Amino acid sequence: MASHHHRLHFSQLLFISSFLFFGLYVCFLASPVAAQCKNPPVIFNFGDSNSDTGGLFAGLGFPVDLPNGRTFFGRSTGRLSDGRLLIDFLCQSLNASLLSPYLDSLSGSKFNNGANFAVVGSSTLPKYVPFSLNIQVMQFLHFKARTLELVTAGSGNFIDDEGFRNALYMTDIGQNDLADSFSKNLTYIEVIKRIPSVISEIKNAVKLLQKKDLDTYGCISSYNAAARLFNEALLHLCQKMRSELKDATIVHVDIFSIKYDLIANSTKYGFSNPLMACCGFSGPPYNYNIQVTCGHRGCPVCAEGSKSISWDGIHYTEAANAIIASKVLSMAYSTPRTPFDFFCRS
């Protein structure tokens, strides 16, 4: 079986070669293994027609009629098979319910056991088209953020943070990337030159699924650690330049600490959802999508910017900038403490 099973600190990832499905299928029929799960298993699947359990049918209304589904279900369920798919047998091996398509609003599922984001025809490239791998991952990130909101609000029995951390994440994609390349009459050499790009997209998807090293306030710790080191180096540079440029007044202002304080103590300053962009697209936790930025058609904006710190996911609102300015003018973050109007006092 050409598969890889990686254990990361946040979850499990299972990569399965699309081209060995039927061999693995026979193995499962011949040698069933009793599940040893101590906790109810949670599975999230991303992929194409090999693992689509009804996403195309639910998302686009594309007809997938009988005889599809006749063997096991007795009706069409959107699966491109006469019955169950590999993903179905894997779920049943864990005594878990079959995965409902994320796009199926009528399935009646609360997705307690996970969700299936796979859709017929999906590939890794091109990106940002329904339902490429990165679109499926974006759907998952929205699903996760909204689910955790409901858990926090006590709105029902949904997957909690621990459930997401311990879930199995399966990626079954790549077949259409190769098939599409050959259908365009590319040579064998041209097709294999595209493989690194496909692998790179799978790598990017895994990195997006991975839980980043977030601090207490939802900020990425490694990024901020780098910012602190940068500010320390800048402070030392200012100190050195003062001795070299004795006729100049050189002041270092720690903007990082000002802005971090604004995020960490957002409620004190009257802000809610400090990481959410006022003008942005994609919803919690950041409401930021690099493909649909503020000012572009279809990008919504909040009613009151005065209640937001982030304007567009990168820049700050006027309300936030006003507080930042007051902190700068206070001289509390300046080394040496120098009034801002020092240059025009005489």
Protein backbone atom coordinates (compact mmCIF):
# COMPACT_ATOMS: atom_id res chain seq x y z
CA MET A 1 0.00 0.00 0.00
CA ALA A 2 1.58 3.29 -1.07
CA SER A 3 0.47 5.39 1.85
CA HIS A 4 2.03 7.55 4.53
CA HIS A 5 0.77 7.95 8.08
CA HIS A 6 2.23 10.94 9.88
CA ARG A 7 1.75 11.82 13.52
CA LEU A 8 1.85 15.52 14.30
CA HIS A 9 1.27 17.27 17.61
CA PHE A 10 -2.20 18.39 16.59
CA SER A 11 -3.71 15.50 14.70
CA GLN A 12 -3.14 12.55 12.44
CA LEU A 13 -2.73 12.86 8.70
CA LEU A 14 -3.35 9.97 6.31
CA PHE A 15 -2.29 10.28 2.69
CA ILE A 16 -3.58 7.62 0.34
CA SER A 17 -2.51 7.03 -3.25
CA SER A 18 -5.55 7.30 -5.51
CA PHE A 19 -4.19 4.58 -7.75
CA LEU A 20 -4.17 1.76 -5.19
CA PHE A 21 -7.74 2.04 -3.94
CA PHE A 22 -9.05 -1.23 -5.29
CA GLY A 23 -6.13 -3.22 -3.90
CA LEU A 24 -6.70 -1.70 -0.46
CA TYR A 25 -10.45 -2.25 -0.84
CA VAL A 26 -9.92 -6.02 -1.26
CA CYS A 27 -7.64 -6.13 1.77
CA PHE A 28 -10.33 -4.60 3.94
CA LEU A 29 -12.91 -7.12 2.79
CA ALA A 30 -10.58 -10.06 3.34
CA SER A 31 -9.05 -9.02 6.66
CA PRO A 32 -11.37 -6.87 8.78
CA VAL A 33 -9.73 -5.41 11.89
CA ALA A 34 -11.63 -4.69 15.09
CA ALA A 35 -11.50 -1.03 16.09
CA GLN A 36 -9.50 -0.16 19.22
CA CYS A 37 -10.67 3.45 19.59
CA LYS A 38 -11.11 4.62 23.20
CA ASN A 39 -12.83 7.83 22.10
CA PRO A 40 -15.42 8.43 19.35
CA PRO A 41 -13.35 8.93 16.17
CA VAL A 42 -13.49 12.25 14.30
CA ILE A 43 -12.46 12.25 10.63
CA PHE A 44 -12.09 15.05 8.09
CA ASN A 45 -11.61 14.10 4.46
CA PHE A 46 -10.43 16.19 1.51
CA GLY A 47 -10.30 14.96 -2.06
CA ASP A 48 -11.98 14.17 -5.35
CA SER A 49 -14.48 11.64 -6.74
CA ASN A 50 -12.71 8.70 -5.11
CA SER A 51 -13.97 9.86 -1.72
CA ASP A 52 -16.89 12.21 -2.54
CA THR A 53 -19.88 10.96 -0.55
CA GLY A 54 -22.33 13.43 -2.12
CA GLY A 55 -20.56 16.80 -2.26
CA LEU A 56 -21.02 17.37 -5.99
CA PHE A 57 -24.69 16.43 -5.81
CA ALA A 58 -25.31 18.69 -2.80
CA GLY A 59 -23.12 21.60 -3.86
CA LEU A 60 -23.97 21.94 -7.54
CA GLY A 61 -27.11 19.84 -7.91
CA PHE A 62 -25.30 17.74 -10.49
CA PRO A 63 -27.35 14.56 -11.07
CA VAL A 64 -25.74 11.32 -9.92
CA ASP A 65 -28.51 8.84 -10.60
CA LEU A 66 -29.03 5.09 -10.36
CA PRO A 67 -27.51 2.60 -10.93
CA ASN A 68 -25.02 4.50 -8.73
CA GLY A 69 -25.60 3.38 -5.14
CA ARG A 70 -27.73 0.32 -5.98
CA THR A 71 -25.63 -2.31 -4.15
CA PHE A 72 -25.54 -1.06 -0.57
CA PHE A 73 -27.72 2.03 -0.30
CA GLY A 74 -30.46 1.02 -2.70
CA ARG A 75 -30.50 4.59 -4.02
CA SER A 76 -28.09 7.17 -5.35
CA THR A 77 -26.24 9.09 -2.62
CA GLY A 78 -23.93 11.07 -4.90
CA ARG A 79 -21.18 8.44 -4.71
CA LEU A 80 -19.64 7.39 -8.03
CA SER A 81 -19.90 3.69 -7.32
CA ASP A 82 -22.54 1.01 -7.12
CA GLY A 83 -22.13 1.16 -3.33
CA ARG A 84 -19.67 2.17 -0.64
CA LEU A 85 -16.35 3.92 -1.20
CA LEU A 86 -13.04 3.33 0.52
CA ILE A 87 -13.77 6.18 2.95
CA ASP A 88 -17.01 4.41 3.93
CA PHE A 89 -15.23 1.14 4.74
CA LEU A 90 -12.60 3.02 6.76
CA CYS A 91 -15.32 4.71 8.82
CA GLN A 92 -17.13 1.41 9.36
CA SER A 93 -13.88 -0.21 10.50
CA LEU A 94 -13.94 2.29 13.40
CA ASN A 95 -17.64 1.69 14.09
CA ALA A 96 -18.18 5.31 13.11
CA SER A 97 -21.03 6.82 11.11
CA LEU A 98 -20.40 7.45 7.41
CA LEU A 99 -19.12 10.97 6.73
CA SER A 100 -21.68 13.50 5.54
CA PRO A 101 -20.69 15.94 2.80
CA TYR A 102 -19.90 19.39 4.21
CA LEU A 103 -22.03 20.95 1.44
CA ASP A 104 -25.15 18.88 2.22
CA SER A 105 -27.46 21.09 4.29
CA LEU A 106 -30.23 18.47 4.28
CA SER A 107 -28.25 15.53 5.62
CA GLY A 108 -29.47 16.20 9.17
CA SER A 109 -25.93 15.76 10.44
CA LYS A 110 -24.36 17.89 13.17
CA PHE A 111 -20.99 16.62 11.91
CA ASN A 112 -20.12 15.20 15.35
CA ASN A 113 -17.91 12.58 13.71
CA GLY A 114 -16.27 14.96 11.20
CA ALA A 115 -17.09 16.03 7.67
CA ASN A 116 -16.25 15.21 4.08
CA PHE A 117 -15.05 18.13 1.92
CA ALA A 118 -14.22 15.99 -1.14
CA VAL A 119 -15.98 16.84 -4.40
CA VAL A 120 -15.97 15.09 -7.77
CA GLY A 121 -13.48 16.60 -10.22
CA SER A 122 -11.38 18.38 -7.61
CA SER A 123 -7.65 18.87 -8.06
CA THR A 124 -4.85 20.80 -6.40
CA LEU A 125 -4.40 23.20 -9.34
CA PRO A 126 -5.60 25.68 -10.39
CA LYS A 127 -6.23 27.20 -6.97
CA TYR A 128 -9.26 29.20 -5.85
CA VAL A 129 -11.77 27.47 -8.13
CA PRO A 130 -14.56 25.23 -6.83
CA PHE A 131 -13.61 22.83 -5.38
CA SER A 132 -9.83 22.79 -5.47
CA LEU A 133 -7.93 21.49 -2.47
CA ASN A 134 -7.22 24.94 -1.07
CA ILE A 135 -10.93 25.84 -1.34
CA GLN A 136 -11.78 22.67 0.61
CA VAL A 137 -9.26 23.65 3.30
CA MET A 138 -10.76 27.15 3.46
CA GLN A 139 -14.19 25.56 3.93
CA PHE A 140 -12.78 23.45 6.76
CA LEU A 141 -11.24 26.48 8.50
CA HIS A 142 -14.61 28.25 8.36
CA PHE A 143 -16.35 25.10 9.61
CA LYS A 144 -13.91 24.80 12.51
CA ALA A 145 -14.17 28.45 13.53
CA ARG A 146 -17.98 28.40 13.46
CA THR A 147 -18.15 25.06 15.31
CA LEU A 148 -15.90 26.32 18.11
CA GLU A 149 -18.05 29.45 18.37
CA LEU A 150 -21.10 27.25 18.93
CA VAL A 151 -19.22 25.18 21.50
CA THR A 152 -18.23 28.35 23.39
CA ALA A 153 -21.83 29.58 23.28
CA GLY A 154 -23.07 26.23 24.63
CA SER A 155 -25.38 25.86 21.64
CA GLY A 156 -25.19 22.08 21.38
CA ASN A 157 -23.06 18.99 21.15
CA PHE A 158 -20.40 19.84 18.59
CA ILE A 159 -16.74 18.93 18.05
CA ASP A 160 -14.63 20.82 20.59
CA ASP A 161 -11.03 22.00 20.35
CA GLU A 162 -9.70 18.69 21.64
CA GLY A 163 -11.78 16.86 19.04
CA PHE A 164 -10.18 18.88 16.24
CA ARG A 165 -6.69 18.31 17.68
CA ASN A 166 -7.11 14.53 17.89
CA ALA A 167 -8.98 14.09 14.60
CA LEU A 168 -7.80 12.08 11.61
CA TYR A 169 -7.29 14.27 8.53
CA MET A 170 -7.34 12.38 5.22
CA THR A 171 -6.21 13.77 1.87
CA ASP A 172 -7.03 11.77 -1.26
CA ILE A 173 -6.30 13.92 -4.31
CA GLY A 174 -3.98 14.25 -7.30
CA GLN A 175 -5.58 11.90 -9.81
CA ASN A 176 -7.31 14.74 -11.68
CA ASP A 177 -4.14 16.82 -11.78
CA LEU A 178 -2.37 14.07 -13.72
CA ALA A 179 -5.39 13.10 -15.83
CA ASP A 180 -6.00 16.73 -16.81
CA SER A 181 -2.36 17.15 -17.81
CA PHE A 182 -2.48 14.12 -20.09
CA SER A 183 -5.85 15.23 -21.54
CA LYS A 184 -4.15 18.45 -22.69
CA ASN A 185 -1.74 16.32 -24.72
CA LEU A 186 1.24 17.16 -22.55
CA THR A 187 4.18 14.83 -22.96
CA TYR A 188 5.24 12.47 -20.19
CA ILE A 189 8.18 14.76 -19.37
CA GLU A 190 5.87 17.81 -19.20
CA VAL A 191 3.45 15.97 -16.90
CA ILE A 192 6.09 14.83 -14.42
CA LYS A 193 7.46 18.38 -14.30
CA ARG A 194 4.08 19.42 -12.87
CA ILE A 195 4.19 16.87 -10.06
CA PRO A 196 6.30 19.04 -7.68
CA SER A 197 3.66 21.80 -7.96
CA VAL A 198 0.91 19.32 -7.04
CA ILE A 199 2.92 18.02 -4.09
CA SER A 200 3.59 21.61 -3.02
CA GLU A 201 -0.15 22.35 -2.90
CA ILE A 202 -0.74 19.29 -0.72
CA LYS A 203 2.05 20.49 1.58
CA ASN A 204 0.46 23.95 1.75
CA ALA A 205 -2.90 22.40 2.62
CA VAL A 206 -1.39 20.38 5.47
CA LYS A 207 0.31 23.49 6.84
CA LEU A 208 -3.00 25.38 6.80
CA LEU A 209 -4.71 22.50 8.61
CA GLN A 210 -1.98 22.43 11.24
CA LYS A 211 -2.78 24.28 14.44
CA LYS A 212 -0.29 27.12 14.59
CA ASP A 213 1.63 28.03 17.72
CA LEU A 214 -0.95 30.48 18.96
CA ASP A 215 -0.55 32.42 22.17
CA THR A 216 -3.28 33.23 24.68
CA TYR A 217 -4.67 35.99 22.47
CA GLY A 218 -4.74 34.04 19.21
CA CYS A 219 -1.55 35.56 17.81
CA ILE A 220 1.13 33.38 16.20
CA SER A 221 3.90 33.06 18.78
CA SER A 222 6.76 32.43 16.36
CA TYR A 223 5.90 35.52 14.28
CA ASN A 224 5.77 37.74 17.34
CA ALA A 225 8.99 36.26 18.72
CA ALA A 226 10.67 37.28 15.46
CA ALA A 227 9.14 40.75 15.74
CA ARG A 228 10.51 41.13 19.28
CA LEU A 229 14.00 40.17 18.12
CA PHE A 230 13.73 42.68 15.29
CA ASN A 231 12.72 45.44 17.71
CA GLU A 232 15.59 44.61 20.06
CA ALA A 233 18.05 44.82 17.17
CA LEU A 234 16.51 48.13 16.10
CA LEU A 235 16.83 49.48 19.65
CA HIS A 236 20.51 48.54 19.74
CA LEU A 237 21.00 50.19 16.35
CA CYS A 238 19.45 53.42 17.63
CA GLN A 239 21.70 53.37 20.68
CA LYS A 240 24.78 52.87 18.49
CA MET A 241 23.80 55.61 16.05
CA ARG A 242 23.34 58.12 18.88
CA SER A 243 27.03 57.84 19.69
CA GLU A 244 27.95 58.14 16.03
CA LEU A 245 25.56 60.97 15.11
CA LYS A 246 25.86 63.23 18.14
CA ASP A 247 24.11 66.17 16.45
CA ALA A 248 21.00 64.08 15.73
CA THR A 249 18.16 63.19 18.09
CA ILE A 250 17.35 59.51 17.58
CA VAL A 251 14.30 58.07 19.34
CA HIS A 252 13.17 54.44 19.32
CA VAL A 253 9.41 53.91 19.70
CA ASP A 254 8.24 50.37 20.54
CA ILE A 255 5.20 50.15 18.27
CA PHE A 256 5.09 46.36 18.69
CA SER A 257 4.35 46.61 22.42
CA ILE A 258 1.70 49.26 21.80
CA LYS A 259 -0.15 47.16 19.24
CA TYR A 260 0.21 43.92 21.19
CA ASP A 261 -1.23 45.62 24.27
CA LEU A 262 -4.14 46.77 22.12
CA ILE A 263 -4.89 43.15 21.12
CA ALA A 264 -4.24 41.64 24.56
CA ASN A 265 -6.42 44.18 26.36
CA SER A 266 -8.93 44.84 23.61
CA THR A 267 -11.98 44.86 25.88
CA LYS A 268 -10.39 47.53 28.06
CA TYR A 269 -10.18 49.76 25.02
CA GLY A 270 -13.75 48.99 23.97
CA PHE A 271 -13.06 46.55 21.13
CA SER A 272 -14.62 43.14 20.47
CA ASN A 273 -13.19 40.36 18.31
CA PRO A 274 -9.74 42.01 18.10
CA LEU A 275 -8.47 39.68 15.35
CA MET A 276 -11.50 40.04 13.05
CA ALA A 277 -11.17 42.42 10.12
CA CYS A 278 -13.97 44.96 9.77
CA CYS A 279 -13.62 44.94 5.98
CA GLY A 280 -12.91 41.40 4.86
CA PHE A 281 -14.19 38.05 3.68
CA SER A 282 -14.24 34.47 5.09
CA GLY A 283 -15.63 34.92 8.60
CA PRO A 284 -14.01 33.97 11.95
CA PRO A 285 -11.40 33.93 13.24
CA TYR A 286 -9.77 36.61 11.05
CA ASN A 287 -12.31 37.46 8.33
CA TYR A 288 -9.42 37.78 5.89
CA ASN A 289 -9.01 36.23 2.46
CA ILE A 290 -6.10 37.38 0.31
CA GLN A 291 -8.19 36.71 -2.81
CA VAL A 292 -11.13 38.87 -1.68
CA THR A 293 -9.64 41.92 -0.01
CA CYS A 294 -11.30 45.12 1.18
CA GLY A 295 -12.60 47.27 -1.67
CA HIS A 296 -13.12 44.35 -4.05
CA ARG A 297 -16.58 43.43 -5.25
CA GLY A 298 -18.27 40.98 -2.90
CA CYS A 299 -16.18 41.95 0.13
CA PRO A 300 -18.49 43.03 3.00
CA VAL A 301 -17.67 45.64 5.62
CA CYS A 302 -18.82 45.90 9.24
CA ALA A 303 -21.31 48.54 10.30
CA GLU A 304 -19.06 50.30 12.83
CA GLY A 305 -15.30 50.42 12.39
CA SER A 306 -14.99 52.05 15.80
CA LYS A 307 -15.60 48.64 17.40
CA SER A 308 -12.83 46.93 15.44
CA ILE A 309 -9.05 47.02 15.73
CA SER A 310 -8.31 45.50 12.32
CA TRP A 311 -9.60 47.33 9.28
CA ASP A 312 -8.75 44.89 6.48
CA GLY A 313 -6.79 42.07 8.12
CA ILE A 314 -3.47 43.91 7.79
CA HIS A 315 -4.09 47.55 8.64
CA TYR A 316 -5.78 49.25 11.59
CA THR A 317 -9.02 51.18 11.91
CA GLU A 318 -9.06 54.87 12.71
CA ALA A 319 -10.25 54.06 16.24
CA ALA A 320 -7.26 51.77 16.79
CA ASN A 321 -4.84 54.23 15.19
CA ALA A 322 -6.10 56.98 17.53
CA ILE A 323 -5.17 54.87 20.57
CA ILE A 324 -1.81 53.94 19.06
CA ALA A 325 -1.09 57.63 18.44
CA SER A 326 -1.97 58.53 22.04
CA LYS A 327 0.45 55.88 23.27
CA VAL A 328 3.22 57.24 21.06
CA LEU A 329 2.55 60.78 22.26
CA SER A 330 2.64 59.64 25.90
CA MET A 331 6.39 58.91 25.54
CA ALA A 332 5.89 55.77 27.67
CA TYR A 333 7.15 53.60 24.80
CA SER A 334 9.95 55.92 23.66
CA THR A 335 13.67 55.52 24.32
CA PRO A 336 14.76 58.07 25.37
CA ARG A 337 11.49 59.66 26.50
CA THR A 338 11.26 62.59 24.15
CA PRO A 339 8.19 64.75 23.39
CA PHE A 340 7.02 64.37 19.82
CA ASP A 341 7.23 68.11 19.17
CA PHE A 342 10.88 68.33 20.28
CA PHE A 343 12.02 69.28 16.78
CA CYS A 344 9.82 72.36 16.51
CA ARG A 345 9.96 73.79 20.02
CA SER A 346 12.65 76.34 19.24
